N, C-alpha and C. Protein backbone atom coordinates (compact mmCIF):
# COMPACT_ATOMS: atom_id res chain seq x y z
N MET A 1 -25.43 60.64 205.41
CA MET A 1 -26.08 62.33 205.71
C MET A 1 -25.79 62.85 207.12
N PRO A 2 -25.34 63.95 207.38
CA PRO A 2 -24.81 64.51 208.65
C PRO A 2 -26.24 64.31 209.43
N LEU A 3 -25.88 64.01 211.10
CA LEU A 3 -26.82 64.54 211.94
C LEU A 3 -27.07 65.65 212.03
N PRO A 4 -28.25 66.49 212.31
CA PRO A 4 -28.65 67.88 212.57
C PRO A 4 -27.93 68.04 213.91
N SER A 5 -27.53 69.32 214.15
CA SER A 5 -26.38 69.71 215.19
C SER A 5 -26.93 69.56 216.45
N TYR A 6 -28.17 69.27 216.82
CA TYR A 6 -28.72 68.99 218.29
C TYR A 6 -28.11 67.78 218.30
N TYR A 7 -27.84 66.74 217.87
CA TYR A 7 -27.37 65.26 218.10
C TYR A 7 -25.97 65.70 218.85
N GLN A 8 -25.27 66.50 218.64
CA GLN A 8 -23.89 66.93 219.25
C GLN A 8 -24.08 66.97 220.71
N ARG A 9 -25.06 67.30 221.24
CA ARG A 9 -25.30 67.20 222.55
C ARG A 9 -25.62 66.05 223.23
N LEU A 10 -26.39 65.45 222.26
CA LEU A 10 -27.14 64.16 222.97
C LEU A 10 -25.63 62.88 222.84
N ILE A 11 -25.02 63.14 221.85
CA ILE A 11 -23.94 62.40 221.72
C ILE A 11 -22.81 62.52 223.06
N LYS A 12 -22.74 63.95 223.33
CA LYS A 12 -21.98 64.24 224.65
C LYS A 12 -22.78 63.41 225.92
N LYS A 13 -23.96 63.71 226.18
CA LYS A 13 -24.56 63.51 227.07
C LYS A 13 -24.64 61.67 226.98
N TYR A 14 -24.62 61.10 225.93
CA TYR A 14 -24.85 59.39 226.13
C TYR A 14 -23.56 58.74 224.95
N PRO A 15 -22.46 59.12 225.50
CA PRO A 15 -21.47 58.80 224.57
C PRO A 15 -21.22 57.25 224.36
N GLN A 16 -22.06 56.51 224.79
CA GLN A 16 -22.05 54.93 224.45
C GLN A 16 -22.87 54.70 223.28
N VAL A 17 -23.59 55.79 222.67
CA VAL A 17 -24.27 55.38 221.61
C VAL A 17 -23.34 56.06 220.12
N SER A 18 -23.21 55.32 219.21
CA SER A 18 -22.70 55.70 218.18
C SER A 18 -23.23 56.61 217.32
N GLU A 19 -22.37 57.38 216.26
CA GLU A 19 -23.11 58.06 215.56
C GLU A 19 -24.10 57.37 214.44
N GLU A 20 -23.81 56.25 214.13
CA GLU A 20 -24.36 55.57 213.48
C GLU A 20 -25.57 54.94 214.08
N GLU A 21 -25.81 54.87 215.40
CA GLU A 21 -26.86 54.53 216.03
C GLU A 21 -27.94 55.48 216.18
N TRP A 22 -27.38 56.66 216.26
CA TRP A 22 -28.08 57.71 216.25
C TRP A 22 -28.68 58.31 215.21
N GLN A 23 -27.91 57.79 213.91
CA GLN A 23 -28.68 57.54 212.52
C GLN A 23 -29.86 56.89 212.72
N LEU A 24 -29.98 55.84 213.20
CA LEU A 24 -31.20 54.76 213.32
C LEU A 24 -32.08 55.53 213.99
N LEU A 25 -31.81 56.05 215.02
CA LEU A 25 -32.92 56.54 216.01
C LEU A 25 -33.52 58.00 215.25
N ASP A 26 -32.64 58.48 214.49
CA ASP A 26 -33.05 59.54 213.80
C ASP A 26 -34.21 59.18 212.89
N GLN A 27 -34.06 58.24 212.17
CA GLN A 27 -35.06 57.61 211.26
C GLN A 27 -36.37 57.54 211.83
N LEU A 28 -36.55 57.26 213.11
CA LEU A 28 -37.69 56.79 213.61
C LEU A 28 -38.17 58.11 214.29
N ALA A 29 -37.46 59.31 214.40
CA ALA A 29 -37.68 60.38 215.11
C ALA A 29 -38.32 61.48 214.31
N THR A 30 -39.18 62.34 214.90
CA THR A 30 -39.67 63.63 214.19
C THR A 30 -39.30 64.86 215.36
N VAL A 31 -39.21 66.16 214.61
CA VAL A 31 -38.95 66.92 215.47
C VAL A 31 -40.32 67.68 215.46
N ARG A 32 -40.72 68.17 216.75
CA ARG A 32 -41.86 68.91 216.96
C ARG A 32 -41.79 69.81 217.74
N HIS A 33 -42.81 71.09 217.52
CA HIS A 33 -42.77 72.50 218.24
C HIS A 33 -43.87 72.15 219.10
N ILE A 34 -43.94 72.73 220.41
CA ILE A 34 -44.94 72.81 221.30
C ILE A 34 -45.19 73.78 222.12
N LYS A 35 -46.10 74.31 221.79
CA LYS A 35 -46.48 75.86 222.47
C LYS A 35 -46.36 75.59 224.07
N LYS A 36 -46.27 76.67 224.57
CA LYS A 36 -46.32 77.04 226.03
C LYS A 36 -47.77 76.42 226.73
N GLY A 37 -47.84 75.67 227.49
CA GLY A 37 -49.07 75.14 228.09
C GLY A 37 -49.51 73.98 227.48
N GLU A 38 -49.23 73.58 226.25
CA GLU A 38 -49.61 72.34 225.63
C GLU A 38 -48.93 71.08 226.21
N HIS A 39 -49.91 70.13 226.27
CA HIS A 39 -49.55 68.80 226.72
C HIS A 39 -48.57 67.85 225.83
N PHE A 40 -47.60 67.34 226.57
CA PHE A 40 -47.02 66.12 225.80
C PHE A 40 -47.59 64.93 226.08
N LEU A 41 -48.09 64.83 227.13
CA LEU A 41 -48.96 63.65 227.71
C LEU A 41 -50.03 64.29 228.68
N ARG A 42 -51.39 63.92 228.82
CA ARG A 42 -52.39 64.33 229.41
C ARG A 42 -52.76 63.05 230.17
N VAL A 43 -53.44 63.64 231.38
CA VAL A 43 -53.85 62.71 232.54
C VAL A 43 -55.09 61.85 232.06
N GLY A 44 -55.35 60.40 232.05
CA GLY A 44 -55.96 59.59 231.53
C GLY A 44 -55.35 59.06 230.09
N LYS A 45 -54.33 59.29 229.43
CA LYS A 45 -54.04 58.95 228.35
C LYS A 45 -52.77 57.95 228.50
N VAL A 46 -52.76 56.85 227.71
CA VAL A 46 -51.63 55.80 228.06
C VAL A 46 -50.18 56.52 227.17
N ALA A 47 -49.23 56.52 227.64
CA ALA A 47 -47.90 56.92 226.98
C ALA A 47 -47.65 56.10 225.93
N ARG A 48 -47.43 56.42 224.76
CA ARG A 48 -46.99 55.59 223.45
C ARG A 48 -45.59 56.30 223.02
N ASN A 49 -45.25 57.95 223.31
CA ASN A 49 -44.07 58.41 222.70
C ASN A 49 -43.23 58.84 224.07
N ALA A 50 -42.15 59.30 223.51
CA ALA A 50 -40.96 59.69 224.49
C ALA A 50 -40.34 60.78 223.12
N ALA A 51 -39.47 61.41 224.10
CA ALA A 51 -38.78 62.50 223.53
C ALA A 51 -37.65 63.05 224.17
N PHE A 52 -36.82 63.33 223.41
CA PHE A 52 -35.47 64.07 223.93
C PHE A 52 -36.09 65.78 223.78
N ILE A 53 -35.86 66.69 224.72
CA ILE A 53 -35.97 68.08 225.00
C ILE A 53 -34.91 68.62 224.20
N LEU A 54 -35.17 69.67 222.99
CA LEU A 54 -34.40 69.99 222.16
C LEU A 54 -34.11 71.47 222.63
N SER A 55 -35.32 71.99 223.09
CA SER A 55 -35.16 73.34 223.66
C SER A 55 -36.40 73.50 224.67
N GLY A 56 -36.39 74.36 225.89
CA GLY A 56 -37.76 74.43 226.52
C GLY A 56 -37.27 73.55 227.57
N HIS A 57 -38.48 74.18 228.60
CA HIS A 57 -38.69 72.94 229.72
C HIS A 57 -40.05 72.41 230.10
N PHE A 58 -40.48 71.39 230.58
CA PHE A 58 -41.54 71.20 230.80
C PHE A 58 -41.64 70.89 232.26
N LYS A 59 -42.76 70.55 232.74
CA LYS A 59 -43.08 69.83 234.30
C LYS A 59 -43.95 69.03 233.96
N TYR A 60 -43.95 67.68 235.05
CA TYR A 60 -44.57 66.97 235.56
C TYR A 60 -45.54 66.96 236.51
N SER A 61 -46.92 66.76 236.56
CA SER A 61 -47.73 67.53 237.31
C SER A 61 -49.21 66.80 237.78
N PHE A 62 -49.69 66.56 238.53
CA PHE A 62 -51.09 66.19 238.86
C PHE A 62 -51.55 67.24 239.84
N ILE A 63 -53.28 66.93 239.93
CA ILE A 63 -54.21 67.79 240.87
C ILE A 63 -54.10 66.90 242.18
N GLY A 64 -54.09 67.28 243.46
CA GLY A 64 -53.81 66.61 244.72
C GLY A 64 -54.94 66.69 244.81
N ASP A 65 -55.35 65.88 246.40
CA ASP A 65 -56.68 66.19 246.92
C ASP A 65 -57.33 67.16 247.55
N ASP A 66 -56.40 68.09 247.35
CA ASP A 66 -56.97 69.43 248.18
C ASP A 66 -57.10 70.51 246.57
N ASP A 67 -57.13 69.56 245.68
CA ASP A 67 -57.52 70.22 244.39
C ASP A 67 -56.26 71.29 243.72
N SER A 68 -55.39 71.22 244.50
CA SER A 68 -53.92 72.16 244.18
C SER A 68 -53.07 71.39 243.25
N GLU A 69 -52.80 72.02 242.14
CA GLU A 69 -51.53 71.30 241.42
C GLU A 69 -50.14 70.97 242.30
N LYS A 70 -49.79 69.72 242.01
CA LYS A 70 -48.62 69.48 242.65
C LYS A 70 -47.51 68.96 241.66
N ILE A 71 -46.33 69.38 241.71
CA ILE A 71 -45.47 69.09 240.39
C ILE A 71 -44.25 68.25 240.78
N LEU A 72 -44.10 67.16 240.14
CA LEU A 72 -43.15 65.84 240.77
C LEU A 72 -41.59 66.09 240.22
N LYS A 73 -41.68 66.77 239.05
CA LYS A 73 -40.09 66.88 238.41
C LYS A 73 -40.56 67.89 237.15
N PHE A 74 -39.34 68.43 236.90
CA PHE A 74 -39.18 69.16 235.59
C PHE A 74 -38.15 68.62 234.66
N GLY A 75 -38.54 68.82 233.29
CA GLY A 75 -37.43 68.44 232.16
C GLY A 75 -36.64 69.44 231.65
N PHE A 76 -35.57 69.53 231.37
CA PHE A 76 -34.92 70.41 230.68
C PHE A 76 -34.24 70.15 229.67
N THR A 77 -33.70 70.97 228.77
CA THR A 77 -33.10 70.66 227.66
C THR A 77 -32.16 69.48 227.74
N ASP A 78 -32.13 68.50 226.46
CA ASP A 78 -31.71 67.50 226.55
C ASP A 78 -32.09 66.50 227.58
N ASP A 79 -33.11 66.56 228.35
CA ASP A 79 -33.69 65.52 229.07
C ASP A 79 -34.72 64.56 228.41
N PHE A 80 -34.70 63.62 228.91
CA PHE A 80 -35.75 62.56 228.43
C PHE A 80 -37.29 62.52 228.97
N LEU A 81 -38.17 62.55 227.88
CA LEU A 81 -39.59 62.97 228.47
C LEU A 81 -40.47 61.88 228.03
N THR A 82 -41.02 60.93 228.96
CA THR A 82 -42.01 60.55 229.08
C THR A 82 -42.60 60.10 230.34
N ASN A 83 -43.62 59.17 230.24
CA ASN A 83 -43.97 58.22 231.62
C ASN A 83 -43.93 56.95 231.29
N CYS A 84 -42.81 56.70 231.80
CA CYS A 84 -42.23 55.38 231.76
C CYS A 84 -43.45 54.40 232.70
N GLN A 85 -43.98 54.72 233.75
CA GLN A 85 -44.82 53.79 234.43
C GLN A 85 -46.25 53.61 233.58
N SER A 86 -46.53 54.52 232.74
CA SER A 86 -48.05 54.23 232.04
C SER A 86 -47.61 53.61 230.80
N PHE A 87 -46.21 53.92 230.45
CA PHE A 87 -46.24 52.90 229.00
C PHE A 87 -45.68 51.24 229.21
N ASN A 88 -44.80 51.20 230.49
CA ASN A 88 -44.56 49.97 230.92
C ASN A 88 -46.06 48.96 231.20
N ASN A 89 -47.04 49.96 232.24
CA ASN A 89 -47.83 48.92 232.35
C ASN A 89 -49.13 48.95 231.53
N ASN A 90 -49.25 49.84 230.35
CA ASN A 90 -50.22 50.11 229.77
C ASN A 90 -51.41 50.92 230.01
N LYS A 91 -51.04 51.56 231.12
CA LYS A 91 -52.21 52.18 231.77
C LYS A 91 -52.18 53.50 231.51
N PRO A 92 -53.41 54.20 231.79
CA PRO A 92 -53.46 55.83 231.94
C PRO A 92 -52.55 56.44 232.93
N SER A 93 -51.87 57.69 232.47
CA SER A 93 -51.34 58.38 232.99
C SER A 93 -51.81 59.09 234.16
N TYR A 94 -51.57 59.05 235.37
CA TYR A 94 -51.87 59.88 236.49
C TYR A 94 -51.50 61.37 236.36
N LEU A 95 -50.61 61.62 235.45
CA LEU A 95 -49.80 62.86 235.14
C LEU A 95 -49.78 63.66 234.01
N ASN A 96 -49.83 64.74 234.17
CA ASN A 96 -49.69 65.62 232.84
C ASN A 96 -48.31 65.85 232.46
N ILE A 97 -47.74 66.08 231.61
CA ILE A 97 -46.33 66.57 231.30
C ILE A 97 -46.75 67.70 230.07
N THR A 98 -46.29 68.72 230.78
CA THR A 98 -47.01 70.06 230.07
C THR A 98 -45.61 70.99 230.11
N ALA A 99 -45.58 71.54 228.52
CA ALA A 99 -44.67 72.91 228.13
C ALA A 99 -44.75 74.15 228.99
N LEU A 100 -43.75 74.08 229.49
CA LEU A 100 -43.75 75.71 230.77
C LEU A 100 -43.24 76.86 229.71
N GLU A 101 -42.65 76.50 228.46
CA GLU A 101 -42.47 77.54 227.36
C GLU A 101 -42.51 76.94 226.34
N ASP A 102 -42.61 77.83 225.04
CA ASP A 102 -42.55 77.28 224.01
C ASP A 102 -41.15 76.35 223.47
N ALA A 103 -41.33 75.32 223.25
CA ALA A 103 -40.43 74.21 223.35
C ALA A 103 -40.31 73.10 222.00
N VAL A 104 -38.82 72.58 221.75
CA VAL A 104 -38.76 71.84 220.65
C VAL A 104 -38.30 70.42 221.43
N ILE A 105 -39.02 69.40 220.60
CA ILE A 105 -38.82 68.10 221.15
C ILE A 105 -38.28 67.44 219.94
N LEU A 106 -37.55 66.19 220.26
CA LEU A 106 -37.53 65.07 219.34
C LEU A 106 -37.99 63.84 219.34
N ARG A 107 -39.34 63.47 218.98
CA ARG A 107 -40.29 62.50 219.43
C ARG A 107 -39.98 61.77 218.63
N PHE A 108 -40.18 59.86 219.55
CA PHE A 108 -40.26 59.11 218.78
C PHE A 108 -41.28 58.21 219.14
N ASN A 109 -42.32 57.04 218.84
CA ASN A 109 -42.81 56.25 219.29
C ASN A 109 -42.05 54.85 219.92
N ILE A 110 -42.06 55.06 220.94
CA ILE A 110 -41.52 53.83 221.96
C ILE A 110 -41.39 52.68 221.48
N ASN A 111 -42.65 52.10 220.85
CA ASN A 111 -42.54 50.75 220.37
C ASN A 111 -41.79 50.59 219.17
N ASN A 112 -41.49 51.66 218.44
CA ASN A 112 -40.89 51.49 217.46
C ASN A 112 -39.17 51.44 217.72
N VAL A 113 -38.93 51.71 218.84
CA VAL A 113 -37.58 51.97 219.10
C VAL A 113 -36.98 50.56 219.88
N ARG A 114 -38.14 49.98 220.65
CA ARG A 114 -37.83 48.78 221.34
C ARG A 114 -37.03 47.62 220.56
N PRO A 115 -37.38 47.29 219.53
CA PRO A 115 -36.39 46.41 218.63
C PRO A 115 -35.21 46.59 218.42
N LEU A 116 -34.67 47.97 218.53
CA LEU A 116 -33.46 48.20 218.50
C LEU A 116 -32.57 47.82 219.87
N TYR A 117 -33.24 47.52 221.00
CA TYR A 117 -32.46 47.10 222.28
C TYR A 117 -31.54 45.71 221.91
N ASP A 118 -32.37 45.02 221.21
CA ASP A 118 -31.85 43.18 220.96
C ASP A 118 -30.22 43.89 220.28
N LEU A 119 -30.39 44.36 219.13
CA LEU A 119 -29.40 44.51 218.01
C LEU A 119 -28.41 45.42 218.43
N HIS A 120 -28.76 46.56 219.37
CA HIS A 120 -27.91 47.51 219.89
C HIS A 120 -27.73 47.83 221.31
N CYS A 121 -27.13 47.15 221.96
CA CYS A 121 -26.64 47.04 223.66
C CYS A 121 -26.62 48.62 224.04
N SER A 122 -26.06 49.21 223.34
CA SER A 122 -25.91 50.83 223.96
C SER A 122 -27.01 51.82 224.04
N ILE A 123 -28.13 51.33 222.62
CA ILE A 123 -29.38 52.14 222.96
C ILE A 123 -30.19 51.64 224.35
N LEU A 124 -30.25 50.27 224.60
CA LEU A 124 -30.95 49.68 225.73
C LEU A 124 -30.23 50.14 226.85
N HIS A 125 -28.83 50.72 227.02
CA HIS A 125 -27.73 51.17 228.28
C HIS A 125 -28.71 52.45 228.28
N VAL A 126 -28.71 53.35 227.45
CA VAL A 126 -29.57 54.40 227.46
C VAL A 126 -30.63 54.35 228.03
N ASN A 127 -31.50 53.40 227.54
CA ASN A 127 -32.55 53.09 228.36
C ASN A 127 -32.67 52.85 230.01
N ILE A 128 -31.83 52.09 230.03
CA ILE A 128 -31.30 51.84 231.40
C ILE A 128 -31.32 53.17 232.49
N GLN A 129 -30.28 53.94 231.89
CA GLN A 129 -29.86 54.98 232.31
C GLN A 129 -30.84 56.13 232.77
N VAL A 130 -31.79 56.17 231.86
CA VAL A 130 -33.09 57.33 231.92
C VAL A 130 -33.90 56.60 232.99
N TYR A 131 -34.05 55.04 233.25
CA TYR A 131 -35.03 54.86 234.30
C TYR A 131 -34.05 55.07 235.93
N GLN A 132 -32.78 54.69 235.67
CA GLN A 132 -31.77 55.27 236.99
C GLN A 132 -32.10 56.57 237.37
N ASP A 133 -32.02 57.72 236.11
CA ASP A 133 -32.03 58.89 236.52
C ASP A 133 -33.60 59.23 237.01
N ILE A 134 -34.59 58.60 236.59
CA ILE A 134 -35.79 59.07 237.17
C ILE A 134 -35.98 58.52 238.45
N MET A 135 -35.20 57.45 238.94
CA MET A 135 -35.57 56.78 240.30
C MET A 135 -34.82 57.73 241.29
N GLU A 136 -33.42 58.08 240.80
CA GLU A 136 -32.75 59.05 241.61
C GLU A 136 -33.53 60.36 241.67
N GLU A 137 -34.27 60.89 240.85
CA GLU A 137 -34.98 62.34 240.57
C GLU A 137 -35.87 61.99 241.71
N GLN A 138 -36.58 61.01 241.63
CA GLN A 138 -37.74 60.46 242.69
C GLN A 138 -37.34 60.76 244.22
N ALA A 139 -36.31 59.91 244.47
CA ALA A 139 -35.73 60.00 245.91
C ALA A 139 -35.42 61.01 245.90
N GLU A 140 -35.01 61.88 245.31
CA GLU A 140 -34.33 63.18 246.06
C GLU A 140 -35.78 64.22 245.92
N HIS A 141 -36.52 64.20 245.16
CA HIS A 141 -37.75 64.63 245.36
C HIS A 141 -38.51 64.40 246.81
N GLN A 142 -38.41 63.04 246.87
CA GLN A 142 -38.85 62.77 248.51
C GLN A 142 -38.11 63.40 249.45
N TYR A 143 -36.77 63.10 249.45
CA TYR A 143 -36.19 63.59 250.48
C TYR A 143 -36.35 65.22 250.64
N ILE A 144 -36.32 66.10 249.74
CA ILE A 144 -36.71 67.67 249.71
C ILE A 144 -38.09 67.83 250.21
N LEU A 145 -39.09 66.86 250.32
CA LEU A 145 -40.39 66.92 250.85
C LEU A 145 -40.11 66.57 252.27
N SER A 146 -39.22 65.74 252.67
CA SER A 146 -39.23 65.71 254.26
C SER A 146 -38.50 66.83 254.58
N LEU A 147 -37.82 67.59 254.25
CA LEU A 147 -37.48 68.85 255.08
C LEU A 147 -38.65 69.63 255.43
N LYS A 148 -38.43 70.33 256.91
CA LYS A 148 -39.53 70.66 257.50
C LYS A 148 -39.62 71.86 256.78
N SER A 149 -39.34 72.87 256.61
CA SER A 149 -39.60 74.18 256.35
C SER A 149 -39.49 74.95 254.47
N PRO A 150 -39.98 75.53 254.37
CA PRO A 150 -40.03 76.05 252.90
C PRO A 150 -38.52 76.24 252.39
N LEU A 151 -38.11 77.14 253.81
CA LEU A 151 -36.34 77.67 253.63
C LEU A 151 -35.60 76.77 253.44
N GLU A 152 -35.56 75.37 254.08
CA GLU A 152 -34.74 74.43 253.82
C GLU A 152 -34.82 73.77 252.26
N ARG A 153 -36.14 73.67 251.96
CA ARG A 153 -36.14 73.12 250.98
C ARG A 153 -35.91 73.72 249.79
N TYR A 154 -36.00 75.43 249.87
CA TYR A 154 -35.36 76.31 248.77
C TYR A 154 -33.91 76.26 248.91
N ARG A 155 -33.38 76.23 249.99
CA ARG A 155 -31.98 75.97 250.26
C ARG A 155 -31.39 74.75 249.50
N PHE A 156 -31.86 73.72 249.69
CA PHE A 156 -31.39 72.60 249.07
C PHE A 156 -31.62 72.71 247.37
N LEU A 157 -32.70 73.36 246.90
CA LEU A 157 -32.65 73.49 245.56
C LEU A 157 -31.25 74.59 244.94
N MET A 158 -31.24 75.57 245.72
CA MET A 158 -30.04 76.56 245.38
C MET A 158 -28.71 75.75 245.46
N ARG A 159 -28.47 74.98 246.48
CA ARG A 159 -27.29 74.02 246.48
C ARG A 159 -27.30 73.17 245.37
N ASN A 160 -28.03 72.43 245.25
CA ASN A 160 -28.14 70.99 244.57
C ASN A 160 -28.81 71.21 243.15
N ARG A 161 -29.79 72.01 242.76
CA ARG A 161 -30.64 72.02 241.57
C ARG A 161 -30.39 73.53 241.21
N PRO A 162 -29.74 74.31 240.79
CA PRO A 162 -29.95 75.68 240.75
C PRO A 162 -30.59 76.07 239.75
N LEU A 163 -30.53 75.17 238.39
CA LEU A 163 -31.31 75.28 237.26
C LEU A 163 -32.62 75.44 237.44
N ILE A 164 -33.34 74.87 238.17
CA ILE A 164 -34.52 74.82 238.74
C ILE A 164 -34.86 76.57 239.38
N ILE A 165 -34.15 77.08 240.49
CA ILE A 165 -34.04 78.38 240.69
C ILE A 165 -33.95 79.27 239.25
N GLN A 166 -33.04 78.93 238.33
CA GLN A 166 -32.93 80.01 237.05
C GLN A 166 -33.97 79.99 236.44
N LYS A 167 -34.55 78.72 235.87
CA LYS A 167 -35.50 78.81 234.75
C LYS A 167 -36.80 78.65 235.20
N ILE A 168 -37.10 78.15 236.44
CA ILE A 168 -38.67 78.04 237.27
C ILE A 168 -39.35 79.28 237.79
N SER A 169 -40.29 79.69 237.27
CA SER A 169 -40.93 80.81 238.16
C SER A 169 -41.43 80.39 239.58
N LEU A 170 -41.52 81.60 240.26
CA LEU A 170 -41.58 80.86 242.15
C LEU A 170 -42.89 80.17 242.06
N THR A 171 -43.77 80.34 241.22
CA THR A 171 -45.23 79.95 241.78
C THR A 171 -45.12 78.13 241.34
N ASN A 172 -44.37 77.98 240.38
CA ASN A 172 -44.02 76.60 240.10
C ASN A 172 -42.97 75.80 241.02
N ILE A 173 -41.94 76.32 241.58
CA ILE A 173 -41.06 76.12 242.34
C ILE A 173 -42.12 75.57 243.86
N ALA A 174 -42.70 76.76 244.07
CA ALA A 174 -43.86 76.39 245.38
C ALA A 174 -44.45 75.09 244.91
N ARG A 175 -45.16 74.93 243.79
CA ARG A 175 -45.96 73.83 243.63
C ARG A 175 -45.05 72.36 243.69
N TYR A 176 -43.68 72.49 243.28
CA TYR A 176 -42.84 71.52 243.38
C TYR A 176 -42.29 71.02 244.63
N LEU A 177 -42.23 72.03 245.74
CA LEU A 177 -41.96 71.82 247.25
C LEU A 177 -43.20 71.73 247.94
N TYR A 178 -44.21 71.60 247.33
CA TYR A 178 -45.42 71.34 248.02
C TYR A 178 -45.75 72.55 249.22
N THR A 179 -45.79 73.79 248.93
CA THR A 179 -45.62 74.90 249.72
C THR A 179 -46.62 75.88 249.23
N SER A 180 -46.77 77.05 249.99
CA SER A 180 -47.34 77.92 249.23
C SER A 180 -46.27 79.37 248.35
N ARG A 181 -46.75 80.06 247.53
CA ARG A 181 -45.60 81.04 246.85
C ARG A 181 -45.66 82.10 248.06
N GLU A 182 -46.66 82.07 248.62
CA GLU A 182 -46.13 83.35 249.80
C GLU A 182 -45.06 82.64 250.77
N ALA A 183 -45.45 81.69 251.19
CA ALA A 183 -43.97 81.19 252.13
C ALA A 183 -42.65 81.02 251.50
N LEU A 184 -43.18 80.75 250.55
CA LEU A 184 -41.68 80.66 249.53
C LEU A 184 -41.05 81.71 249.15
N SER A 185 -42.07 83.01 248.78
CA SER A 185 -41.17 84.20 248.87
C SER A 185 -40.83 84.53 250.36
N ARG A 186 -41.46 84.50 251.40
CA ARG A 186 -40.76 84.56 252.56
C ARG A 186 -39.52 84.08 252.69
N ALA A 187 -39.65 82.65 252.52
CA ALA A 187 -37.98 81.94 252.67
C ALA A 187 -37.28 82.66 251.79
N ARG A 188 -37.53 83.13 250.60
CA ARG A 188 -36.24 83.54 249.93
C ARG A 188 -35.98 84.94 250.15
N VAL A 189 -36.75 85.92 250.64
CA VAL A 189 -36.51 87.07 251.00
C VAL A 189 -35.35 86.93 252.34
N MET A 190 -35.71 85.99 253.52
CA MET A 190 -35.08 85.83 254.44
C MET A 190 -33.42 85.13 253.99
N MET A 191 -33.42 84.35 252.84
CA MET A 191 -32.34 84.15 252.27
C MET A 191 -31.41 85.27 251.91
N THR A 192 -32.09 86.12 251.05
CA THR A 192 -31.39 87.16 250.70
C THR A 192 -30.96 87.80 251.96
N LYS A 193 -31.61 88.49 252.90
CA LYS A 193 -31.11 88.90 253.88
C LYS A 193 -29.98 88.30 254.60
N ASN A 194 -29.99 87.01 254.91
CA ASN A 194 -29.04 86.43 255.30
C ASN A 194 -27.57 86.15 254.79
N LEU A 195 -27.95 86.20 253.07
CA LEU A 195 -26.73 86.12 252.39
C LEU A 195 -26.31 87.20 251.43
N GLY A 196 -26.96 88.42 251.73
CA GLY A 196 -26.61 89.51 250.93
C GLY A 196 -26.68 89.58 249.68
N GLY A 197 -27.36 88.21 249.05
CA GLY A 197 -27.26 88.18 247.80
C GLY A 197 -28.84 88.48 247.01
N SER A 198 -28.77 88.55 245.96
CA SER A 198 -30.16 88.69 245.02
C SER A 198 -30.61 87.69 244.22
N PHE A 199 -31.91 87.49 244.39
CA PHE A 199 -32.34 86.32 243.51
C PHE A 199 -33.25 86.88 242.36
N ARG A 200 -33.60 85.79 241.52
CA ARG A 200 -34.41 86.30 239.91
C ARG A 200 -35.66 86.34 240.56
């Protein structure tokens, strides 16, 4: 039976996985529609599921000591969605994973997929790649936060993560950059004046 069309994007992103192996994964997966504001994972719950984002985007967030929301990362179409730390340690998640717009995901129970690792090395390699991507994103976020001003942080996103600028609201970008919306708005105006450009 032919795979649904959305698998073509995943095949392109993870070429090491054969179509037959995607067929195996598809048997373990279910398509789920998630409304804007709905949680894929809540604080205090142990992660049992993972998913590929078929459409829409998500935020990984927590409430800081100052009672304000902090965003650690965003998930976009074809990204992998889960809290690996919670799953691997079998401990409650310290963050929420929440849909920022109506979304569609391909969800599966992680424990059901793990037996495939021993039989299909390419699926295990996808798992390793996901972990590498997460580590790189965390390191990049720490670097962004080390930049001294909202202007420098926003400029970094423009140069290196334009999808965040294009898809994410200014309020949520401010929460990701650990600054106020007002300070970020001023930085954006300053860049507009300097570059003579326009921003969303």
